[in-house]
Amino acid sequence: MNKYKSIDAQLIGGNKDTGLTASQIYYLTHQILKLTSHLESHSEDYSSQRGLRKLLGRRRRLLIHLSNKNTALYTKIVKNLGIRGLKGR
């Protein structure tokens, strides 16, 4: 958990404005990691699988928006969170 708090401080600059695209991506990534660990032990929880797909889609749309508006911040977020970048971007 400390890893994610330090990433949050780096991305947002200590500002807890949850409306920023960067902070929304951070919080979605945190939720995705929690759901993924839940699904490792409960593989037949189809409701959680659907929720995970919805979160992944929302994060993907936010990443597309951020890559169009601020490429430098997009690159920093992808690198710091350790997630794959978008195809062709």
PDB file of N, CA and C in Angstrom:
ATOM      1  N   MET A   1       0.817  -1.184   0.000  1.00  0.00           N
ATOM      2  CA  MET A   1       0.000   0.000   0.000  1.00  0.00           C
ATOM      3  C   MET A   1       0.864   1.252   0.000  1.00  0.00           C
ATOM      4  N   ASN A   2       2.017   1.199   0.638  1.00  0.00           N
ATOM      5  CA  ASN A   2       2.904   2.364   0.668  1.00  0.00           C
ATOM      6  C   ASN A   2       3.371   2.738  -0.729  1.00  0.00           C
ATOM      7  N   LYS A   3       3.546   1.725  -1.572  1.00  0.00           N
ATOM      8  CA  LYS A   3       3.962   1.978  -2.949  1.00  0.00           C
ATOM      9  C   LYS A   3       2.937   2.864  -3.655  1.00  0.00           C
ATOM     10  N   TYR A   4       1.652   2.582  -3.443  1.00  0.00           N
ATOM     11  CA  TYR A   4       0.614   3.338  -4.133  1.00  0.00           C
ATOM     12  C   TYR A   4       0.462   4.739  -3.558  1.00  0.00           C
ATOM     13  N   LYS A   5       0.686   4.912  -2.273  1.00  0.00           N
ATOM     14  CA  LYS A   5       0.623   6.250  -1.695  1.00  0.00           C
ATOM     15  C   LYS A   5       1.751   7.113  -2.240  1.00  0.00           C
ATOM     16  N   SER A   6       2.938   6.530  -2.414  1.00  0.00           N
ATOM     17  CA  SER A   6       4.049   7.316  -2.954  1.00  0.00           C
ATOM     18  C   SER A   6       3.807   7.651  -4.425  1.00  0.00           C
ATOM     19  N   ILE A   7       3.236   6.738  -5.175  1.00  0.00           N
ATOM     20  CA  ILE A   7       2.909   7.017  -6.579  1.00  0.00           C
ATOM     21  C   ILE A   7       1.868   8.119  -6.647  1.00  0.00           C
ATOM     22  N   ASP A   8       0.886   8.071  -5.758  1.00  0.00           N
ATOM     23  CA  ASP A   8      -0.157   9.103  -5.726  1.00  0.00           C
ATOM     24  C   ASP A   8       0.458  10.465  -5.460  1.00  0.00           C
ATOM     25  N   ALA A   9       1.389  10.532  -4.528  1.00  0.00           N
ATOM     26  CA  ALA A   9       2.029  11.814  -4.219  1.00  0.00           C
ATOM     27  C   ALA A   9       2.854  12.315  -5.406  1.00  0.00           C
ATOM     28  N   GLN A  10       3.495  11.416  -6.137  1.00  0.00           N
ATOM     29  CA  GLN A  10       4.302  11.810  -7.292  1.00  0.00           C
ATOM     30  C   GLN A  10       3.428  12.325  -8.426  1.00  0.00           C
ATOM     31  N   LEU A  11       2.333  11.617  -8.698  1.00  0.00           N
ATOM     32  CA  LEU A  11       1.511  11.975  -9.842  1.00  0.00           C
ATOM     33  C   LEU A  11       0.728  13.260  -9.618  1.00  0.00           C
ATOM     34  N   ILE A  12       0.209  13.405  -8.441  1.00  0.00           N
ATOM     35  CA  ILE A  12      -0.680  14.520  -8.182  1.00  0.00           C
ATOM     36  C   ILE A  12       0.056  15.673  -7.516  1.00  0.00           C
ATOM     37  N   GLY A  13       1.245  15.446  -7.036  1.00  0.00           N
ATOM     38  CA  GLY A  13       1.978  16.495  -6.353  1.00  0.00           C
ATOM     39  C   GLY A  13       1.442  16.736  -4.955  1.00  0.00           C
ATOM     40  N   GLY A  14       0.898  15.691  -4.314  1.00  0.00           N
ATOM     41  CA  GLY A  14       0.374  15.826  -2.973  1.00  0.00           C
ATOM     42  C   GLY A  14      -1.040  16.376  -2.932  1.00  0.00           C
ATOM     43  N   ASN A  15      -1.571  16.828  -4.056  1.00  0.00           N
ATOM     44  CA  ASN A  15      -2.926  17.371  -4.115  1.00  0.00           C
ATOM     45  C   ASN A  15      -3.916  16.213  -4.170  1.00  0.00           C
ATOM     46  N   LYS A  16      -4.918  16.236  -3.328  1.00  0.00           N
ATOM     47  CA  LYS A  16      -5.903  15.154  -3.278  1.00  0.00           C
ATOM     48  C   LYS A  16      -7.141  15.473  -4.109  1.00  0.00           C
ATOM     49  N   ASP A  17      -6.974  16.213  -5.195  1.00  0.00           N
ATOM     50  CA  ASP A  17      -8.085  16.533  -6.077  1.00  0.00           C
ATOM     51  C   ASP A  17      -8.444  15.287  -6.881  1.00  0.00           C
ATOM     52  N   THR A  18      -9.544  14.642  -6.525  1.00  0.00           N
ATOM     53  CA  THR A  18      -9.905  13.387  -7.177  1.00  0.00           C
ATOM     54  C   THR A  18     -10.519  13.595  -8.549  1.00  0.00           C
ATOM     55  N   GLY A  19     -10.700  14.831  -8.962  1.00  0.00           N
ATOM     56  CA  GLY A  19     -11.244  15.100 -10.280  1.00  0.00           C
ATOM     57  C   GLY A  19     -10.197  15.087 -11.368  1.00  0.00           C
ATOM     58  N   LEU A  20      -8.925  15.159 -11.000  1.00  0.00           N
ATOM     59  CA  LEU A  20      -7.857  15.121 -11.996  1.00  0.00           C
ATOM     60  C   LEU A  20      -7.821  13.762 -12.678  1.00  0.00           C
ATOM     61  N   THR A  21      -7.545  13.765 -13.950  1.00  0.00           N
ATOM     62  CA  THR A  21      -7.480  12.519 -14.700  1.00  0.00           C
ATOM     63  C   THR A  21      -6.430  11.589 -14.129  1.00  0.00           C
ATOM     64  N   ALA A  22      -5.277  12.137 -13.732  1.00  0.00           N
ATOM     65  CA  ALA A  22      -4.194  11.317 -13.194  1.00  0.00           C
ATOM     66  C   ALA A  22      -4.626  10.623 -11.907  1.00  0.00           C
ATOM     67  N   SER A  23      -5.326  11.320 -11.032  1.00  0.00           N
ATOM     68  CA  SER A  23      -5.736  10.703  -9.779  1.00  0.00           C
ATOM     69  C   SER A  23      -6.836   9.671 -10.022  1.00  0.00           C
ATOM     70  N   GLN A  24      -7.711   9.907 -10.996  1.00  0.00           N
ATOM     71  CA  GLN A  24      -8.731   8.914 -11.316  1.00  0.00           C
ATOM     72  C   GLN A  24      -8.088   7.636 -11.840  1.00  0.00           C
ATOM     73  N   ILE A  25      -7.063   7.768 -12.671  1.00  0.00           N
ATOM     74  CA  ILE A  25      -6.356   6.595 -13.182  1.00  0.00           C
ATOM     75  C   ILE A  25      -5.682   5.850 -12.045  1.00  0.00           C
ATOM     76  N   TYR A  26      -5.093   6.590 -11.107  1.00  0.00           N
ATOM     77  CA  TYR A  26      -4.454   5.961  -9.950  1.00  0.00           C
ATOM     78  C   TYR A  26      -5.470   5.164  -9.148  1.00  0.00           C
ATOM     79  N   TYR A  27      -6.612   5.767  -8.807  1.00  0.00           N
ATOM     80  CA  TYR A  27      -7.593   5.085  -7.983  1.00  0.00           C
ATOM     81  C   TYR A  27      -8.220   3.903  -8.715  1.00  0.00           C
ATOM     82  N   LEU A  28      -8.449   4.014 -10.012  1.00  0.00           N
ATOM     83  CA  LEU A  28      -8.963   2.883 -10.780  1.00  0.00           C
ATOM     84  C   LEU A  28      -7.957   1.740 -10.800  1.00  0.00           C
ATOM     85  N   THR A  29      -6.674   2.073 -10.940  1.00  0.00           N
ATOM     86  CA  THR A  29      -5.641   1.042 -10.936  1.00  0.00           C
ATOM     87  C   THR A  29      -5.611   0.323  -9.599  1.00  0.00           C
ATOM     88  N   HIS A  30      -5.768   1.072  -8.527  1.00  0.00           N
ATOM     89  CA  HIS A  30      -5.793   0.465  -7.196  1.00  0.00           C
ATOM     90  C   HIS A  30      -6.989  -0.482  -7.067  1.00  0.00           C
ATOM     91  N   GLN A  31      -8.165  -0.077  -7.534  1.00  0.00           N
ATOM     92  CA  GLN A  31      -9.347  -0.931  -7.486  1.00  0.00           C
ATOM     93  C   GLN A  31      -9.175  -2.168  -8.367  1.00  0.00           C
ATOM     94  N   ILE A  32      -8.548  -1.996  -9.518  1.00  0.00           N
ATOM     95  CA  ILE A  32      -8.315  -3.116 -10.433  1.00  0.00           C
ATOM     96  C   ILE A  32      -7.402  -4.145  -9.779  1.00  0.00           C
ATOM     97  N   LEU A  33      -6.368  -3.687  -9.094  1.00  0.00           N
ATOM     98  CA  LEU A  33      -5.455  -4.610  -8.413  1.00  0.00           C
ATOM     99  C   LEU A  33      -6.179  -5.372  -7.299  1.00  0.00           C
ATOM    100  N   LYS A  34      -7.055  -4.703  -6.567  1.00  0.00           N
ATOM    101  CA  LYS A  34      -7.804  -5.365  -5.508  1.00  0.00           C
ATOM    102  C   LYS A  34      -8.748  -6.413  -6.085  1.00  0.00           C
ATOM    103  N   LEU A  35      -9.438  -6.065  -7.172  1.00  0.00           N
ATOM    104  CA  LEU A  35     -10.357  -7.021  -7.789  1.00  0.00           C
ATOM    105  C   LEU A  35      -9.616  -8.201  -8.404  1.00  0.00           C
ATOM    106  N   THR A  36      -8.459  -7.943  -8.964  1.00  0.00           N
ATOM    107  CA  THR A  36      -7.670  -9.016  -9.565  1.00  0.00           C
ATOM    108  C   THR A  36      -7.237 -10.020  -8.500  1.00  0.00           C
ATOM    109  N   SER A  37      -6.788  -9.516  -7.353  1.00  0.00           N
ATOM    110  CA  SER A  37      -6.387 -10.428  -6.287  1.00  0.00           C
ATOM    111  C   SER A  37      -7.592 -11.197  -5.750  1.00  0.00           C
ATOM    112  N   HIS A  38      -8.764 -10.578  -5.714  1.00  0.00           N
ATOM    113  CA  HIS A  38      -9.978 -11.267  -5.285  1.00  0.00           C
ATOM    114  C   HIS A  38     -10.333 -12.385  -6.266  1.00  0.00           C
ATOM    115  N   LEU A  39     -10.209 -12.100  -7.552  1.00  0.00           N
ATOM    116  CA  LEU A  39     -10.589 -13.089  -8.563  1.00  0.00           C
ATOM    117  C   LEU A  39      -9.611 -14.251  -8.642  1.00  0.00           C
ATOM    118  N   GLU A  40      -8.390 -14.079  -8.134  1.00  0.00           N
ATOM    119  CA  GLU A  40      -7.455 -15.203  -8.120  1.00  0.00           C
ATOM    120  C   GLU A  40      -7.950 -16.317  -7.207  1.00  0.00           C
ATOM    121  N   SER A  41      -8.615 -15.953  -6.118  1.00  0.00           N
ATOM    122  CA  SER A  41      -9.121 -16.977  -5.205  1.00  0.00           C
ATOM    123  C   SER A  41     -10.587 -17.314  -5.441  1.00  0.00           C
ATOM    124  N   HIS A  42     -11.326 -16.448  -6.138  1.00  0.00           N
ATOM    125  CA  HIS A  42     -12.737 -16.688  -6.438  1.00  0.00           C
ATOM    126  C   HIS A  42     -12.944 -16.568  -7.949  1.00  0.00           C
ATOM    127  N   SER A  43     -12.487 -17.580  -8.657  1.00  0.00           N
ATOM    128  CA  SER A  43     -12.453 -17.495 -10.123  1.00  0.00           C
ATOM    129  C   SER A  43     -13.838 -17.517 -10.759  1.00  0.00           C
ATOM    130  N   GLU A  44     -14.863 -17.995 -10.060  1.00  0.00           N
ATOM    131  CA  GLU A  44     -16.195 -18.085 -10.659  1.00  0.00           C
ATOM    132  C   GLU A  44     -17.113 -16.940 -10.227  1.00  0.00           C
ATOM    133  N   ASP A  45     -16.565 -15.890  -9.700  1.00  0.00           N
ATOM    134  CA  ASP A  45     -17.346 -14.718  -9.290  1.00  0.00           C
ATOM    135  C   ASP A  45     -17.558 -13.841 -10.526  1.00  0.00           C
ATOM    136  N   TYR A  46     -18.637 -14.126 -11.238  1.00  0.00           N
ATOM    137  CA  TYR A  46     -18.861 -13.479 -12.522  1.00  0.00           C
ATOM    138  C   TYR A  46     -19.243 -12.005 -12.379  1.00  0.00           C
ATOM    139  N   SER A  47     -19.865 -11.659 -11.272  1.00  0.00           N
ATOM    140  CA  SER A  47     -20.197 -10.251 -11.043  1.00  0.00           C
ATOM    141  C   SER A  47     -18.935  -9.416 -10.899  1.00  0.00           C
ATOM    142  N   SER A  48     -17.964  -9.963 -10.196  1.00  0.00           N
ATOM    143  CA  SER A  48     -16.692  -9.245 -10.039  1.00  0.00           C
ATOM    144  C   SER A  48     -15.938  -9.184 -11.357  1.00  0.00           C
ATOM    145  N   GLN A  49     -16.049 -10.225 -12.172  1.00  0.00           N
ATOM    146  CA  GLN A  49     -15.402 -10.202 -13.477  1.00  0.00           C
ATOM    147  C   GLN A  49     -15.992  -9.094 -14.344  1.00  0.00           C
ATOM    148  N   ARG A  50     -17.304  -8.933 -14.280  1.00  0.00           N
ATOM    149  CA  ARG A  50     -17.947  -7.877 -15.047  1.00  0.00           C
ATOM    150  C   ARG A  50     -17.516  -6.509 -14.532  1.00  0.00           C
ATOM    151  N   GLY A  51     -17.446  -6.365 -13.221  1.00  0.00           N
ATOM    152  CA  GLY A  51     -16.997  -5.106 -12.638  1.00  0.00           C
ATOM    153  C   GLY A  51     -15.574  -4.778 -13.031  1.00  0.00           C
ATOM    154  N   LEU A  52     -14.723  -5.803 -13.085  1.00  0.00           N
ATOM    155  CA  LEU A  52     -13.335  -5.605 -13.486  1.00  0.00           C
ATOM    156  C   LEU A  52     -13.243  -5.124 -14.929  1.00  0.00           C
ATOM    157  N   ARG A  53     -14.047  -5.717 -15.803  1.00  0.00           N
ATOM    158  CA  ARG A  53     -14.044  -5.286 -17.206  1.00  0.00           C
ATOM    159  C   ARG A  53     -14.523  -3.848 -17.344  1.00  0.00           C
ATOM    160  N   LYS A  54     -15.505  -3.453 -16.549  1.00  0.00           N
ATOM    161  CA  LYS A  54     -15.995  -2.077 -16.595  1.00  0.00           C
ATOM    162  C   LYS A  54     -14.922  -1.101 -16.113  1.00  0.00           C
ATOM    163  N   LEU A  55     -14.194  -1.468 -15.048  1.00  0.00           N
ATOM    164  CA  LEU A  55     -13.122  -0.606 -14.543  1.00  0.00           C
ATOM    165  C   LEU A  55     -11.989  -0.489 -15.555  1.00  0.00           C
ATOM    166  N   LEU A  56     -11.654  -1.602 -16.205  1.00  0.00           N
ATOM    167  CA  LEU A  56     -10.595  -1.568 -17.213  1.00  0.00           C
ATOM    168  C   LEU A  56     -10.984  -0.671 -18.382  1.00  0.00           C
ATOM    169  N   GLY A  57     -12.245  -0.727 -18.785  1.00  0.00           N
ATOM    170  CA  GLY A  57     -12.708   0.137 -19.869  1.00  0.00           C
ATOM    171  C   GLY A  57     -12.672   1.605 -19.494  1.00  0.00           C
ATOM    172  N   ARG A  58     -13.066   1.905 -18.253  1.00  0.00           N
ATOM    173  CA  ARG A  58     -13.053   3.295 -17.803  1.00  0.00           C
ATOM    174  C   ARG A  58     -11.629   3.833 -17.746  1.00  0.00           C
ATOM    175  N   ARG A  59     -10.698   2.988 -17.217  1.00  0.00           N
ATOM    176  CA  ARG A  59      -9.301   3.416 -17.148  1.00  0.00           C
ATOM    177  C   ARG A  59      -8.725   3.615 -18.549  1.00  0.00           C
ATOM    178  N   ARG A  60      -9.099   2.750 -19.476  1.00  0.00           N
ATOM    179  CA  ARG A  60      -8.611   2.869 -20.850  1.00  0.00           C
ATOM    180  C   ARG A  60      -9.080   4.178 -21.486  1.00  0.00           C
ATOM    181  N   ARG A  61     -10.352   4.525 -21.271  1.00  0.00           N
ATOM    182  CA  ARG A  61     -10.871   5.787 -21.820  1.00  0.00           C
ATOM    183  C   ARG A  61     -10.160   6.989 -21.212  1.00  0.00           C
ATOM    184  N   LEU A  62      -9.878   6.928 -19.903  1.00  0.00           N
ATOM    185  CA  LEU A  62      -9.152   8.022 -19.265  1.00  0.00           C
ATOM    186  C   LEU A  62      -7.725   8.128 -19.792  1.00  0.00           C
ATOM    187  N   LEU A  63      -7.094   6.979 -20.047  1.00  0.00           N
ATOM    188  CA  LEU A  63      -5.738   6.998 -20.595  1.00  0.00           C
ATOM    189  C   LEU A  63      -5.732   7.578 -22.006  1.00  0.00           C
ATOM    190  N   ILE A  64      -6.737   7.266 -22.803  1.00  0.00           N
ATOM    191  CA  ILE A  64      -6.833   7.842 -24.143  1.00  0.00           C
ATOM    192  C   ILE A  64      -6.981   9.347 -24.052  1.00  0.00           C
ATOM    193  N   HIS A  65      -7.847   9.807 -23.164  1.00  0.00           N
ATOM    194  CA  HIS A  65      -8.055  11.247 -22.983  1.00  0.00           C
ATOM    195  C   HIS A  65      -6.758  11.921 -22.553  1.00  0.00           C
ATOM    196  N   LEU A  66      -6.067  11.319 -21.599  1.00  0.00           N
ATOM    197  CA  LEU A  66      -4.831  11.915 -21.097  1.00  0.00           C
ATOM    198  C   LEU A  66      -3.732  11.910 -22.153  1.00  0.00           C
ATOM    199  N   SER A  67      -3.658  10.851 -22.963  1.00  0.00           N
ATOM    200  CA  SER A  67      -2.622  10.811 -23.993  1.00  0.00           C
ATOM    201  C   SER A  67      -2.864  11.872 -25.062  1.00  0.00           C
ATOM    202  N   ASN A  68      -4.128  12.223 -25.288  1.00  0.00           N
ATOM    203  CA  ASN A  68      -4.427  13.273 -26.259  1.00  0.00           C
ATOM    204  C   ASN A  68      -4.142  14.660 -25.701  1.00  0.00           C
ATOM    205  N   LYS A  69      -4.345  14.858 -24.409  1.00  0.00           N
ATOM    206  CA  LYS A  69      -4.207  16.185 -23.807  1.00  0.00           C
ATOM    207  C   LYS A  69      -2.797  16.473 -23.294  1.00  0.00           C
ATOM    208  N   ASN A  70      -2.164  15.480 -22.630  1.00  0.00           N
ATOM    209  CA  ASN A  70      -0.871  15.711 -21.982  1.00  0.00           C
ATOM    210  C   ASN A  70      -0.024  14.451 -22.109  1.00  0.00           C
ATOM    211  N   THR A  71       0.744  14.361 -23.165  1.00  0.00           N
ATOM    212  CA  THR A  71       1.519  13.157 -23.450  1.00  0.00           C
ATOM    213  C   THR A  71       2.599  12.896 -22.405  1.00  0.00           C
ATOM    214  N   ALA A  72       3.211  13.944 -21.881  1.00  0.00           N
ATOM    215  CA  ALA A  72       4.266  13.765 -20.884  1.00  0.00           C
ATOM    216  C   ALA A  72       3.718  13.143 -19.605  1.00  0.00           C
ATOM    217  N   LEU A  73       2.580  13.620 -19.146  1.00  0.00           N
ATOM    218  CA  LEU A  73       1.969  13.065 -17.935  1.00  0.00           C
ATOM    219  C   LEU A  73       1.493  11.645 -18.181  1.00  0.00           C
ATOM    220  N   TYR A  74       0.972  11.373 -19.368  1.00  0.00           N
ATOM    221  CA  TYR A  74       0.554  10.017 -19.732  1.00  0.00           C
ATOM    222  C   TYR A  74       1.729   9.051 -19.632  1.00  0.00           C
ATOM    223  N   THR A  75       2.853   9.437 -20.191  1.00  0.00           N
ATOM    224  CA  THR A  75       4.047   8.584 -20.154  1.00  0.00           C
ATOM    225  C   THR A  75       4.504   8.353 -18.716  1.00  0.00           C
ATOM    226  N   LYS A  76       4.474   9.400 -17.915  1.00  0.00           N
ATOM    227  CA  LYS A  76       4.890   9.296 -16.513  1.00  0.00           C
ATOM    228  C   LYS A  76       3.968   8.351 -15.744  1.00  0.00           C
ATOM    229  N   ILE A  77       2.676   8.443 -15.967  1.00  0.00           N
ATOM    230  CA  ILE A  77       1.715   7.594 -15.259  1.00  0.00           C
ATOM    231  C   ILE A  77       1.900   6.133 -15.646  1.00  0.00           C
ATOM    232  N   VAL A  78       2.019   5.876 -16.936  1.00  0.00           N
ATOM    233  CA  VAL A  78       2.170   4.490 -17.396  1.00  0.00           C
ATOM    234  C   VAL A  78       3.439   3.882 -16.815  1.00  0.00           C
ATOM    235  N   LYS A  79       4.497   4.653 -16.779  1.00  0.00           N
ATOM    236  CA  LYS A  79       5.762   4.145 -16.253  1.00  0.00           C
ATOM    237  C   LYS A  79       5.701   3.922 -14.740  1.00  0.00           C
ATOM    238  N   ASN A  80       5.143   4.882 -13.996  1.00  0.00           N
ATOM    239  CA  ASN A  80       5.112   4.779 -12.544  1.00  0.00           C
ATOM    240  C   ASN A  80       4.146   3.714 -12.037  1.00  0.00           C
ATOM    241  N   LEU A  81       3.018   3.554 -12.703  1.00  0.00           N
ATOM    242  CA  LEU A  81       2.051   2.548 -12.262  1.00  0.00           C
ATOM    243  C   LEU A  81       2.399   1.151 -12.775  1.00  0.00           C
ATOM    244  N   GLY A  82       3.269   1.077 -13.756  1.00  0.00           N
ATOM    245  CA  GLY A  82       3.661  -0.233 -14.277  1.00  0.00           C
ATOM    246  C   GLY A  82       2.559  -0.897 -15.094  1.00  0.00           C
ATOM    247  N   ILE A  83       1.759  -0.086 -15.792  1.00  0.00           N
ATOM    248  CA  ILE A  83       0.711  -0.644 -16.637  1.00  0.00           C
ATOM    249  C   ILE A  83       1.140  -0.515 -18.097  1.00  0.00           C
ATOM    250  N   ARG A  84       0.509  -1.336 -18.937  1.00  0.00           N
ATOM    251  CA  ARG A  84       0.821  -1.264 -20.344  1.00  0.00           C
ATOM    252  C   ARG A  84       0.254   0.000 -20.943  1.00  0.00           C
ATOM    253  N   GLY A  85       0.975   0.548 -21.886  1.00  0.00           N
ATOM    254  CA  GLY A  85       0.470   1.713 -22.602  1.00  0.00           C
ATOM    255  C   GLY A  85      -0.566   1.294 -23.616  1.00  0.00           C
ATOM    256  N   LEU A  86      -1.181   2.276 -24.221  1.00  0.00           N
ATOM    257  CA  LEU A  86      -2.187   2.016 -25.241  1.00  0.00           C
ATOM    258  C   LEU A  86      -1.505   1.600 -26.545  1.00  0.00           C
ATOM    259  N   LYS A  87      -2.179   0.780 -27.312  1.00  0.00           N
ATOM    260  CA  LYS A  87      -1.616   0.349 -28.590  1.00  0.00           C
ATOM    261  C   LYS A  87      -1.547   1.527 -29.538  1.00  0.00           C
ATOM    262  N   GLY A  88      -0.415   1.709 -30.170  1.00  0.00           N
ATOM    263  CA  GLY A  88      -0.252   2.758 -31.163  1.00  0.00           C
ATOM    264  C   GLY A  88      -0.108   4.167 -30.606  1.00  0.00           C
ATOM    265  N   ARG A  89       0.124   4.287 -29.295  1.00  0.00           N
ATOM    266  CA  ARG A  89       0.260   5.625 -28.697  1.00  0.00           C
ATOM    267  C   ARG A  89       1.550   5.713 -27.947  1.00  0.00           C
TER     268      ARG A  89
END
